[in-house]
Every structure is written in C-alpha cells, then in structure tokens.
Amino acid sequence: MNILETIDTPIGNYAPDFELPGIDGQVHHLSRYLEKFRAVGVVFISNHCPYVEWYLDRLKNIQAEFAPQGLTLIGMNGSDLGSSFENMKAFAQRHDLNFPYLWDPTQDVTRSFGATKTPMAFLIDSTGTVRYKGQIDDRPQDPLSVREDYLRSAIACLFGGQEIAIPQTEPIGTTLIWRN
C-alpha cells in the first residue's frame, strides 16, 4: 500500500471540478451537475470495500429520497484495487445503483477532494461549495441502530436553508490504495 499526501478540500471551499468517465460511457463534469441540481453528493466508493457494501442500500435510499428535491449522488472510484470499467459495471449492476458511478483512473480528483477512505461523502451546494464531508452515518454495520445520520441531515439542512449542525466528521472505512 502506498500512502500519498492529499490536497484536501476544506468545508466552505470550492470542490474541485472534474471531467471523468462514467460506467455509462459518458464523460461527467461536476460543473454540469451543479447547473442541473441544487446539491451534489460525491461519495468515494470502491468495488472491494466491506464498508461500501454495508452502505450501498442507504446511499440508494438517500438518492431516492432527495432526488425529487434536486440532489444527485455520484459514486466515484478512486481506489487502485480492482478498478476497471468491467469490474465497476458489474458492481453497479449487481447492486442496482441508482446514481452515476465514475472512475478516477489517475486518482488526481480523489486526491484533490482529500478523500482518504471508502466510503467518504462530500456534499456540494449549487455554487460548488463543500458543505459537508465525512461519514454517511455513525453505524456502518447496523443501519437499524443509527443515531447520527450525518449525510442525510446535512442534505436536509441544506435544502431547508439551515446551518449544517455537523459539517465534518472523521471518515470511517477502508483506507484508499494509491498508485505508485
């Protein structure tokens, strides 16, 4: 495993724009999503992370719940383990993802965001400002005992015009594997 320094995007700063391939064969740009949606949730995931497996249904539920209000989630794979379009397509199909799944083959975008683990969520408002980053919730293995639903709460506050009470949490999950 190779550990590299990340650049990091602090709360209140602009998220790095990107131009990345998706498993749908299209090129995706953050700026284009920001033109269409009130908020974008970029969630760094990978095909081989048990934490991601535990959270996939919750992420799909968040997408379904908030899409009518103007949110889209974007799954982004910036890990060096088992990354290929074929593996990503099979993963997305097996889990019936209801949001785009992008590949960061150079890991430049992943590093620019400051992602360190999978899963790690970044909530970005329509101006491109990062409003929340960190955990999805406080119970990866037990969705029925969640006490703090960080990402869902941040989205609700953002859409309600309220201050996000907990704008940052320490991510928990699998440490990203960096290329040499």
N, C-alpha and C. Protein backbone atom coordinates (compact mmCIF):
# COMPACT_ATOMS: atom_id res chain seq x y z
N MET A 1 0.84 -1.17 0.00
CA MET A 1 0.00 0.00 0.00
C MET A 1 0.88 1.22 0.00
N ASN A 2 0.52 2.17 -0.83
CA ASN A 2 1.28 3.40 -0.96
C ASN A 2 0.44 4.54 -0.39
N ILE A 3 0.96 5.30 0.55
CA ILE A 3 0.24 6.42 1.14
C ILE A 3 0.83 7.70 0.58
N LEU A 4 -0.03 8.50 -0.05
CA LEU A 4 0.39 9.77 -0.63
C LEU A 4 -0.34 10.90 0.05
N GLU A 5 0.23 12.07 0.00
CA GLU A 5 -0.40 13.24 0.56
C GLU A 5 -1.58 13.66 -0.31
N THR A 6 -2.68 13.99 0.35
CA THR A 6 -3.83 14.51 -0.37
C THR A 6 -3.81 16.03 -0.29
N ILE A 7 -4.52 16.67 -1.18
CA ILE A 7 -4.57 18.13 -1.20
C ILE A 7 -5.60 18.62 -0.20
N ASP A 8 -6.76 18.02 -0.15
CA ASP A 8 -7.85 18.32 0.76
C ASP A 8 -8.66 19.53 0.29
N THR A 9 -9.95 19.42 0.49
CA THR A 9 -10.88 20.50 0.19
C THR A 9 -11.65 20.78 1.47
N PRO A 10 -11.32 21.86 2.17
CA PRO A 10 -12.00 22.16 3.44
C PRO A 10 -13.46 22.58 3.25
N ILE A 11 -14.23 22.43 4.30
CA ILE A 11 -15.61 22.91 4.32
C ILE A 11 -15.59 24.40 4.01
N GLY A 12 -16.50 24.83 3.16
CA GLY A 12 -16.59 26.24 2.80
C GLY A 12 -15.77 26.61 1.58
N ASN A 13 -14.94 25.70 1.09
CA ASN A 13 -14.16 25.95 -0.12
C ASN A 13 -14.85 25.30 -1.31
N TYR A 14 -14.44 25.72 -2.51
CA TYR A 14 -15.00 25.14 -3.72
C TYR A 14 -14.46 23.73 -3.94
N ALA A 15 -15.36 22.85 -4.34
CA ALA A 15 -14.97 21.49 -4.69
C ALA A 15 -14.21 21.52 -6.01
N PRO A 16 -13.23 20.65 -6.17
CA PRO A 16 -12.51 20.62 -7.45
C PRO A 16 -13.42 20.11 -8.57
N ASP A 17 -13.43 20.84 -9.68
CA ASP A 17 -14.21 20.38 -10.81
C ASP A 17 -13.53 19.13 -11.37
N PHE A 18 -14.27 18.33 -12.07
CA PHE A 18 -13.68 17.12 -12.66
C PHE A 18 -14.31 16.84 -14.00
N GLU A 19 -13.59 16.05 -14.75
CA GLU A 19 -14.02 15.54 -16.05
C GLU A 19 -13.59 14.08 -16.06
N LEU A 20 -14.54 13.20 -15.72
CA LEU A 20 -14.21 11.79 -15.53
C LEU A 20 -15.15 10.88 -16.29
N PRO A 21 -14.64 9.72 -16.69
CA PRO A 21 -15.50 8.75 -17.38
C PRO A 21 -16.42 8.02 -16.40
N GLY A 22 -17.64 7.78 -16.85
CA GLY A 22 -18.59 7.00 -16.08
C GLY A 22 -18.80 5.65 -16.72
N ILE A 23 -19.36 4.74 -15.95
CA ILE A 23 -19.59 3.40 -16.48
C ILE A 23 -20.67 3.40 -17.56
N ASP A 24 -21.37 4.54 -17.69
CA ASP A 24 -22.39 4.67 -18.73
C ASP A 24 -21.80 5.05 -20.08
N GLY A 25 -20.47 5.19 -20.16
CA GLY A 25 -19.81 5.55 -21.41
C GLY A 25 -19.75 7.04 -21.65
N GLN A 26 -20.26 7.84 -20.73
CA GLN A 26 -20.26 9.29 -20.87
C GLN A 26 -19.12 9.90 -20.05
N VAL A 27 -18.77 11.14 -20.39
CA VAL A 27 -17.82 11.91 -19.60
C VAL A 27 -18.63 12.83 -18.69
N HIS A 28 -18.31 12.82 -17.42
CA HIS A 28 -19.08 13.56 -16.42
C HIS A 28 -18.24 14.72 -15.88
N HIS A 29 -18.91 15.88 -15.72
CA HIS A 29 -18.27 17.09 -15.22
C HIS A 29 -19.04 17.57 -13.99
N LEU A 30 -18.35 17.87 -12.92
CA LEU A 30 -19.04 18.40 -11.74
C LEU A 30 -19.79 19.68 -12.10
N SER A 31 -19.17 20.56 -12.88
CA SER A 31 -19.81 21.84 -13.23
C SER A 31 -21.15 21.63 -13.92
N ARG A 32 -21.28 20.61 -14.72
CA ARG A 32 -22.56 20.35 -15.40
C ARG A 32 -23.62 19.85 -14.42
N TYR A 33 -23.20 19.05 -13.46
CA TYR A 33 -24.14 18.60 -12.43
C TYR A 33 -24.62 19.79 -11.60
N LEU A 34 -23.71 20.71 -11.30
CA LEU A 34 -24.08 21.88 -10.48
C LEU A 34 -25.06 22.79 -11.21
N GLU A 35 -25.05 22.76 -12.54
CA GLU A 35 -26.02 23.54 -13.31
C GLU A 35 -27.41 22.92 -13.24
N LYS A 36 -27.50 21.62 -13.02
CA LYS A 36 -28.77 20.90 -13.08
C LYS A 36 -29.39 20.62 -11.71
N PHE A 37 -28.56 20.55 -10.65
CA PHE A 37 -29.03 20.10 -9.35
C PHE A 37 -28.78 21.15 -8.27
N ARG A 38 -29.61 21.12 -7.25
CA ARG A 38 -29.44 22.02 -6.10
C ARG A 38 -28.26 21.59 -5.24
N ALA A 39 -27.95 20.30 -5.27
CA ALA A 39 -26.82 19.78 -4.49
C ALA A 39 -26.33 18.48 -5.13
N VAL A 40 -25.04 18.23 -4.92
CA VAL A 40 -24.41 17.02 -5.43
C VAL A 40 -23.67 16.37 -4.26
N GLY A 41 -23.89 15.09 -4.10
CA GLY A 41 -23.16 14.33 -3.09
C GLY A 41 -22.15 13.44 -3.80
N VAL A 42 -20.87 13.75 -3.66
CA VAL A 42 -19.83 12.90 -4.24
C VAL A 42 -19.41 11.94 -3.14
N VAL A 43 -19.58 10.65 -3.41
CA VAL A 43 -19.24 9.63 -2.41
C VAL A 43 -18.17 8.73 -3.00
N PHE A 44 -17.01 8.72 -2.36
CA PHE A 44 -15.92 7.88 -2.82
C PHE A 44 -16.19 6.46 -2.35
N ILE A 45 -16.29 5.57 -3.34
CA ILE A 45 -16.59 4.16 -3.07
C ILE A 45 -15.61 3.30 -3.87
N SER A 46 -15.61 2.02 -3.57
CA SER A 46 -14.81 1.08 -4.36
C SER A 46 -15.55 -0.24 -4.41
N ASN A 47 -15.12 -1.09 -5.30
CA ASN A 47 -15.79 -2.37 -5.51
C ASN A 47 -15.49 -3.39 -4.43
N HIS A 48 -14.41 -3.18 -3.67
CA HIS A 48 -13.93 -4.22 -2.76
C HIS A 48 -13.93 -3.80 -1.30
N CYS A 49 -14.68 -2.79 -0.95
CA CYS A 49 -14.69 -2.28 0.43
C CYS A 49 -15.92 -2.81 1.16
N PRO A 50 -15.73 -3.53 2.28
CA PRO A 50 -16.90 -4.02 3.02
C PRO A 50 -17.76 -2.88 3.56
N TYR A 51 -17.17 -1.76 3.91
CA TYR A 51 -17.95 -0.62 4.39
C TYR A 51 -18.88 -0.10 3.28
N VAL A 52 -18.38 -0.04 2.07
CA VAL A 52 -19.22 0.39 0.95
C VAL A 52 -20.39 -0.58 0.80
N GLU A 53 -20.13 -1.86 0.88
CA GLU A 53 -21.21 -2.86 0.78
C GLU A 53 -22.28 -2.59 1.83
N TRP A 54 -21.85 -2.29 3.06
CA TRP A 54 -22.82 -2.04 4.13
C TRP A 54 -23.65 -0.79 3.87
N TYR A 55 -23.08 0.19 3.17
CA TYR A 55 -23.75 1.48 2.96
C TYR A 55 -24.52 1.60 1.65
N LEU A 56 -24.36 0.71 0.72
CA LEU A 56 -24.97 0.89 -0.60
C LEU A 56 -26.48 1.09 -0.55
N ASP A 57 -27.18 0.28 0.22
CA ASP A 57 -28.63 0.45 0.28
C ASP A 57 -29.00 1.80 0.88
N ARG A 58 -28.26 2.25 1.88
CA ARG A 58 -28.54 3.56 2.47
C ARG A 58 -28.28 4.67 1.46
N LEU A 59 -27.21 4.54 0.68
CA LEU A 59 -26.93 5.55 -0.35
C LEU A 59 -28.03 5.57 -1.40
N LYS A 60 -28.47 4.41 -1.82
CA LYS A 60 -29.57 4.35 -2.81
C LYS A 60 -30.84 4.97 -2.24
N ASN A 61 -31.09 4.76 -0.95
CA ASN A 61 -32.27 5.36 -0.31
C ASN A 61 -32.15 6.88 -0.23
N ILE A 62 -30.95 7.38 0.08
CA ILE A 62 -30.73 8.83 0.11
C ILE A 62 -30.97 9.41 -1.28
N GLN A 63 -30.46 8.75 -2.31
CA GLN A 63 -30.66 9.22 -3.68
C GLN A 63 -32.16 9.27 -4.00
N ALA A 64 -32.87 8.20 -3.69
CA ALA A 64 -34.30 8.15 -3.99
C ALA A 64 -35.08 9.20 -3.19
N GLU A 65 -34.71 9.41 -1.94
CA GLU A 65 -35.42 10.35 -1.07
C GLU A 65 -35.23 11.80 -1.52
N PHE A 66 -34.00 12.17 -1.88
CA PHE A 66 -33.70 13.57 -2.13
C PHE A 66 -33.64 13.96 -3.61
N ALA A 67 -33.67 13.00 -4.52
CA ALA A 67 -33.65 13.33 -5.96
C ALA A 67 -34.79 14.26 -6.35
N PRO A 68 -36.03 14.04 -5.85
CA PRO A 68 -37.12 14.94 -6.23
C PRO A 68 -36.90 16.39 -5.78
N GLN A 69 -36.04 16.59 -4.78
CA GLN A 69 -35.76 17.94 -4.28
C GLN A 69 -34.54 18.57 -4.97
N GLY A 70 -33.87 17.79 -5.84
CA GLY A 70 -32.76 18.37 -6.59
C GLY A 70 -31.39 17.90 -6.19
N LEU A 71 -31.28 16.69 -5.64
CA LEU A 71 -29.98 16.12 -5.28
C LEU A 71 -29.63 15.00 -6.25
N THR A 72 -28.35 14.88 -6.55
CA THR A 72 -27.86 13.64 -7.13
C THR A 72 -26.62 13.23 -6.37
N LEU A 73 -26.53 11.94 -6.13
CA LEU A 73 -25.29 11.37 -5.63
C LEU A 73 -24.46 10.97 -6.83
N ILE A 74 -23.15 10.97 -6.64
CA ILE A 74 -22.22 10.47 -7.65
C ILE A 74 -21.26 9.55 -6.92
N GLY A 75 -21.22 8.30 -7.32
CA GLY A 75 -20.22 7.39 -6.79
C GLY A 75 -18.93 7.58 -7.56
N MET A 76 -17.83 7.70 -6.84
CA MET A 76 -16.54 7.89 -7.51
C MET A 76 -15.54 6.85 -7.00
N ASN A 77 -14.97 6.11 -7.92
CA ASN A 77 -13.98 5.10 -7.58
C ASN A 77 -12.59 5.66 -7.84
N GLY A 78 -11.87 5.95 -6.77
CA GLY A 78 -10.50 6.45 -6.89
C GLY A 78 -9.51 5.50 -6.26
N SER A 79 -9.91 4.26 -6.05
CA SER A 79 -9.03 3.28 -5.44
C SER A 79 -8.26 2.51 -6.51
N ASP A 80 -7.09 2.06 -6.16
CA ASP A 80 -6.27 1.33 -7.13
C ASP A 80 -6.51 -0.17 -7.09
N LEU A 81 -7.42 -0.63 -6.25
CA LEU A 81 -7.65 -2.07 -6.10
C LEU A 81 -8.82 -2.51 -6.97
N GLY A 82 -8.56 -3.34 -7.95
CA GLY A 82 -9.61 -3.93 -8.76
C GLY A 82 -10.42 -2.96 -9.59
N SER A 83 -9.81 -1.86 -9.96
CA SER A 83 -10.54 -0.84 -10.71
C SER A 83 -10.42 -1.08 -12.21
N SER A 84 -11.53 -1.30 -12.83
CA SER A 84 -11.63 -1.35 -14.28
C SER A 84 -13.10 -1.09 -14.60
N PHE A 85 -13.36 -0.62 -15.81
CA PHE A 85 -14.75 -0.38 -16.17
C PHE A 85 -15.58 -1.65 -16.09
N GLU A 86 -15.01 -2.76 -16.47
CA GLU A 86 -15.76 -4.02 -16.44
C GLU A 86 -16.14 -4.37 -15.00
N ASN A 87 -15.18 -4.26 -14.08
CA ASN A 87 -15.47 -4.55 -12.67
C ASN A 87 -16.48 -3.56 -12.10
N MET A 88 -16.34 -2.29 -12.47
CA MET A 88 -17.26 -1.27 -11.96
C MET A 88 -18.66 -1.47 -12.51
N LYS A 89 -18.77 -1.81 -13.80
CA LYS A 89 -20.09 -2.06 -14.39
C LYS A 89 -20.77 -3.25 -13.72
N ALA A 90 -20.01 -4.31 -13.49
CA ALA A 90 -20.57 -5.49 -12.84
C ALA A 90 -21.02 -5.16 -11.42
N PHE A 91 -20.23 -4.39 -10.71
CA PHE A 91 -20.55 -3.97 -9.35
C PHE A 91 -21.85 -3.15 -9.34
N ALA A 92 -21.94 -2.17 -10.24
CA ALA A 92 -23.12 -1.31 -10.30
C ALA A 92 -24.37 -2.11 -10.66
N GLN A 93 -24.22 -3.04 -11.58
CA GLN A 93 -25.36 -3.86 -11.98
C GLN A 93 -25.78 -4.80 -10.85
N ARG A 94 -24.81 -5.43 -10.20
CA ARG A 94 -25.09 -6.35 -9.11
C ARG A 94 -25.84 -5.65 -7.97
N HIS A 95 -25.49 -4.38 -7.73
CA HIS A 95 -26.10 -3.62 -6.62
C HIS A 95 -27.20 -2.68 -7.08
N ASP A 96 -27.51 -2.69 -8.38
CA ASP A 96 -28.59 -1.88 -8.93
C ASP A 96 -28.47 -0.42 -8.49
N LEU A 97 -27.29 0.16 -8.73
CA LEU A 97 -27.06 1.55 -8.34
C LEU A 97 -28.02 2.49 -9.07
N ASN A 98 -28.53 3.47 -8.35
CA ASN A 98 -29.45 4.45 -8.93
C ASN A 98 -28.80 5.83 -9.05
N PHE A 99 -27.49 5.84 -9.10
CA PHE A 99 -26.73 7.09 -9.28
C PHE A 99 -25.51 6.79 -10.14
N PRO A 100 -24.94 7.82 -10.77
CA PRO A 100 -23.78 7.62 -11.64
C PRO A 100 -22.58 7.07 -10.87
N TYR A 101 -21.77 6.27 -11.55
CA TYR A 101 -20.57 5.69 -10.95
C TYR A 101 -19.41 6.04 -11.87
N LEU A 102 -18.49 6.86 -11.36
CA LEU A 102 -17.38 7.39 -12.16
C LEU A 102 -16.06 6.77 -11.73
N TRP A 103 -15.12 6.80 -12.65
CA TRP A 103 -13.79 6.26 -12.39
C TRP A 103 -12.76 7.38 -12.46
N ASP A 104 -11.92 7.44 -11.43
CA ASP A 104 -10.82 8.41 -11.38
C ASP A 104 -9.53 7.63 -11.59
N PRO A 105 -9.18 7.32 -12.84
CA PRO A 105 -8.06 6.42 -13.10
C PRO A 105 -6.70 6.99 -12.69
N THR A 106 -6.56 8.30 -12.65
CA THR A 106 -5.27 8.89 -12.24
C THR A 106 -5.22 9.18 -10.75
N GLN A 107 -6.35 9.13 -10.09
CA GLN A 107 -6.52 9.45 -8.67
C GLN A 107 -6.32 10.94 -8.38
N ASP A 108 -6.20 11.77 -9.39
CA ASP A 108 -5.99 13.21 -9.17
C ASP A 108 -7.21 13.86 -8.51
N VAL A 109 -8.41 13.50 -8.94
CA VAL A 109 -9.62 14.09 -8.36
C VAL A 109 -9.79 13.62 -6.93
N THR A 110 -9.56 12.35 -6.70
CA THR A 110 -9.66 11.78 -5.35
C THR A 110 -8.72 12.51 -4.40
N ARG A 111 -7.51 12.71 -4.84
CA ARG A 111 -6.51 13.42 -4.04
C ARG A 111 -6.91 14.88 -3.83
N SER A 112 -7.45 15.53 -4.86
CA SER A 112 -7.85 16.93 -4.75
C SER A 112 -8.99 17.13 -3.75
N PHE A 113 -9.92 16.20 -3.72
CA PHE A 113 -11.00 16.29 -2.74
C PHE A 113 -10.47 16.09 -1.33
N GLY A 114 -9.42 15.29 -1.20
CA GLY A 114 -8.91 14.94 0.12
C GLY A 114 -9.53 13.67 0.66
N ALA A 115 -10.07 12.86 -0.23
CA ALA A 115 -10.65 11.58 0.20
C ALA A 115 -9.53 10.68 0.71
N THR A 116 -9.80 9.99 1.80
CA THR A 116 -8.80 9.11 2.40
C THR A 116 -9.31 7.70 2.59
N LYS A 117 -10.63 7.55 2.63
CA LYS A 117 -11.24 6.24 2.88
C LYS A 117 -12.44 6.04 1.97
N THR A 118 -12.86 4.79 1.87
CA THR A 118 -14.13 4.49 1.23
C THR A 118 -15.01 3.83 2.28
N PRO A 119 -16.27 4.27 2.40
CA PRO A 119 -16.85 5.41 1.71
C PRO A 119 -16.53 6.72 2.43
N MET A 120 -16.48 7.78 1.68
CA MET A 120 -16.33 9.13 2.23
C MET A 120 -17.18 10.05 1.38
N ALA A 121 -18.05 10.82 2.04
CA ALA A 121 -19.03 11.65 1.35
C ALA A 121 -18.65 13.13 1.40
N PHE A 122 -18.95 13.83 0.31
CA PHE A 122 -18.79 15.28 0.20
C PHE A 122 -20.10 15.83 -0.33
N LEU A 123 -20.74 16.72 0.42
CA LEU A 123 -21.96 17.38 -0.03
C LEU A 123 -21.59 18.75 -0.56
N ILE A 124 -21.98 19.01 -1.80
CA ILE A 124 -21.60 20.23 -2.50
C ILE A 124 -22.88 20.97 -2.89
N ASP A 125 -22.96 22.26 -2.55
CA ASP A 125 -24.15 23.03 -2.91
C ASP A 125 -24.07 23.51 -4.36
N SER A 126 -25.09 24.18 -4.82
CA SER A 126 -25.18 24.55 -6.23
C SER A 126 -24.13 25.58 -6.66
N THR A 127 -23.47 26.23 -5.70
CA THR A 127 -22.40 27.16 -6.05
C THR A 127 -21.05 26.45 -6.16
N GLY A 128 -21.04 25.15 -5.83
CA GLY A 128 -19.79 24.38 -5.87
C GLY A 128 -19.05 24.35 -4.56
N THR A 129 -19.68 24.84 -3.49
CA THR A 129 -19.05 24.90 -2.17
C THR A 129 -19.28 23.61 -1.40
N VAL A 130 -18.22 23.06 -0.80
CA VAL A 130 -18.35 21.88 0.03
C VAL A 130 -19.02 22.28 1.35
N ARG A 131 -20.13 21.64 1.65
CA ARG A 131 -20.89 21.98 2.85
C ARG A 131 -20.81 20.90 3.93
N TYR A 132 -20.48 19.67 3.53
CA TYR A 132 -20.31 18.57 4.49
C TYR A 132 -19.30 17.62 3.91
N LYS A 133 -18.50 16.99 4.81
CA LYS A 133 -17.65 15.88 4.37
C LYS A 133 -17.41 14.94 5.53
N GLY A 134 -17.34 13.65 5.17
CA GLY A 134 -17.05 12.64 6.19
C GLY A 134 -17.92 11.41 6.04
N GLN A 135 -18.37 10.92 7.18
CA GLN A 135 -19.14 9.68 7.26
C GLN A 135 -20.56 9.85 6.70
N ILE A 136 -21.14 8.75 6.31
CA ILE A 136 -22.54 8.74 5.89
C ILE A 136 -23.42 8.74 7.13
N ASP A 137 -23.13 7.86 8.06
CA ASP A 137 -23.78 7.86 9.37
C ASP A 137 -22.84 7.18 10.37
N ASP A 138 -23.30 7.01 11.60
CA ASP A 138 -22.42 6.51 12.66
C ASP A 138 -22.49 5.01 12.89
N ARG A 139 -23.18 4.27 12.06
CA ARG A 139 -23.32 2.82 12.27
C ARG A 139 -23.16 2.03 10.97
N PRO A 140 -21.92 1.85 10.51
CA PRO A 140 -21.73 1.16 9.22
C PRO A 140 -22.37 -0.23 9.17
N GLN A 141 -22.21 -1.01 10.23
CA GLN A 141 -22.66 -2.40 10.18
C GLN A 141 -24.11 -2.60 10.61
N ASP A 142 -24.72 -1.59 11.19
CA ASP A 142 -26.06 -1.78 11.74
C ASP A 142 -26.96 -0.59 11.42
N PRO A 143 -27.57 -0.59 10.24
CA PRO A 143 -28.40 0.55 9.85
C PRO A 143 -29.60 0.79 10.77
N LEU A 144 -30.03 -0.23 11.50
CA LEU A 144 -31.19 -0.07 12.37
C LEU A 144 -30.87 0.67 13.67
N SER A 145 -29.57 0.79 13.99
CA SER A 145 -29.20 1.47 15.24
C SER A 145 -28.51 2.82 15.00
N VAL A 146 -28.70 3.40 13.82
CA VAL A 146 -28.07 4.69 13.50
C VAL A 146 -28.60 5.75 14.45
N ARG A 147 -27.67 6.47 15.09
CA ARG A 147 -28.03 7.58 15.96
C ARG A 147 -27.77 8.92 15.27
N GLU A 148 -26.71 8.99 14.47
CA GLU A 148 -26.35 10.21 13.76
C GLU A 148 -26.32 9.91 12.26
N ASP A 149 -27.27 10.46 11.55
CA ASP A 149 -27.39 10.25 10.11
C ASP A 149 -26.79 11.48 9.41
N TYR A 150 -25.47 11.56 9.44
CA TYR A 150 -24.76 12.79 9.07
C TYR A 150 -25.08 13.31 7.68
N LEU A 151 -24.95 12.47 6.67
CA LEU A 151 -25.16 12.92 5.30
C LEU A 151 -26.61 13.32 5.07
N ARG A 152 -27.54 12.48 5.49
CA ARG A 152 -28.97 12.78 5.31
C ARG A 152 -29.33 14.08 6.03
N SER A 153 -28.84 14.27 7.23
CA SER A 153 -29.12 15.50 7.99
C SER A 153 -28.53 16.73 7.29
N ALA A 154 -27.31 16.59 6.77
CA ALA A 154 -26.68 17.71 6.08
C ALA A 154 -27.48 18.10 4.84
N ILE A 155 -27.96 17.12 4.10
CA ILE A 155 -28.77 17.41 2.90
C ILE A 155 -30.06 18.11 3.31
N ALA A 156 -30.73 17.59 4.34
CA ALA A 156 -31.99 18.19 4.79
C ALA A 156 -31.77 19.63 5.25
N CYS A 157 -30.71 19.89 5.99
CA CYS A 157 -30.40 21.26 6.42
C CYS A 157 -30.13 22.16 5.23
N LEU A 158 -29.33 21.68 4.29
CA LEU A 158 -29.01 22.47 3.11
C LEU A 158 -30.28 22.84 2.35
N PHE A 159 -31.15 21.87 2.11
CA PHE A 159 -32.38 22.13 1.38
C PHE A 159 -33.36 22.97 2.19
N GLY A 160 -33.25 22.92 3.52
CA GLY A 160 -34.14 23.71 4.38
C GLY A 160 -33.61 25.11 4.67
N GLY A 161 -32.44 25.44 4.10
CA GLY A 161 -31.85 26.75 4.32
C GLY A 161 -31.30 26.94 5.72
N GLN A 162 -30.99 25.82 6.38
CA GLN A 162 -30.47 25.87 7.75
C GLN A 162 -28.97 25.61 7.76
N GLU A 163 -28.34 26.04 8.83
CA GLU A 163 -26.92 25.74 9.02
C GLU A 163 -26.75 24.25 9.29
N ILE A 164 -25.74 23.66 8.72
CA ILE A 164 -25.48 22.24 8.94
C ILE A 164 -24.80 22.10 10.29
N ALA A 165 -25.47 21.40 11.20
CA ALA A 165 -25.01 21.32 12.59
C ALA A 165 -23.65 20.64 12.71
N ILE A 166 -23.45 19.57 11.97
CA ILE A 166 -22.17 18.84 11.99
C ILE A 166 -21.65 18.82 10.57
N PRO A 167 -20.81 19.81 10.19
CA PRO A 167 -20.37 19.91 8.80
C PRO A 167 -19.22 18.96 8.43
N GLN A 168 -18.59 18.34 9.43
CA GLN A 168 -17.47 17.44 9.12
C GLN A 168 -17.37 16.37 10.18
N THR A 169 -17.13 15.14 9.71
CA THR A 169 -16.87 14.02 10.60
C THR A 169 -15.65 13.27 10.10
N GLU A 170 -15.03 12.53 10.98
CA GLU A 170 -13.87 11.73 10.61
C GLU A 170 -14.36 10.51 9.83
N PRO A 171 -13.88 10.32 8.60
CA PRO A 171 -14.37 9.18 7.81
C PRO A 171 -13.95 7.85 8.44
N ILE A 172 -14.83 6.87 8.29
CA ILE A 172 -14.50 5.52 8.72
C ILE A 172 -14.69 4.62 7.51
N GLY A 173 -13.84 3.64 7.38
CA GLY A 173 -13.93 2.74 6.24
C GLY A 173 -12.58 2.17 5.89
N THR A 174 -12.44 1.82 4.63
CA THR A 174 -11.21 1.23 4.13
C THR A 174 -10.31 2.33 3.58
N THR A 175 -9.05 2.33 4.01
CA THR A 175 -8.10 3.32 3.53
C THR A 175 -7.89 3.14 2.03
N LEU A 176 -7.92 4.27 1.33
CA LEU A 176 -7.71 4.23 -0.13
C LEU A 176 -6.31 3.70 -0.46
N ILE A 177 -6.25 2.94 -1.54
CA ILE A 177 -4.98 2.41 -2.01
C ILE A 177 -4.53 3.29 -3.17
N TRP A 178 -3.34 3.86 -3.05
CA TRP A 178 -2.82 4.79 -4.03
C TRP A 178 -1.87 4.10 -4.97
N ARG A 179 -1.85 4.57 -6.19
CA ARG A 179 -0.89 4.06 -7.19
C ARG A 179 0.49 4.53 -6.83
N ASN A 180 1.48 3.82 -7.28
CA ASN A 180 2.87 4.25 -7.06
C ASN A 180 3.22 5.42 -7.91
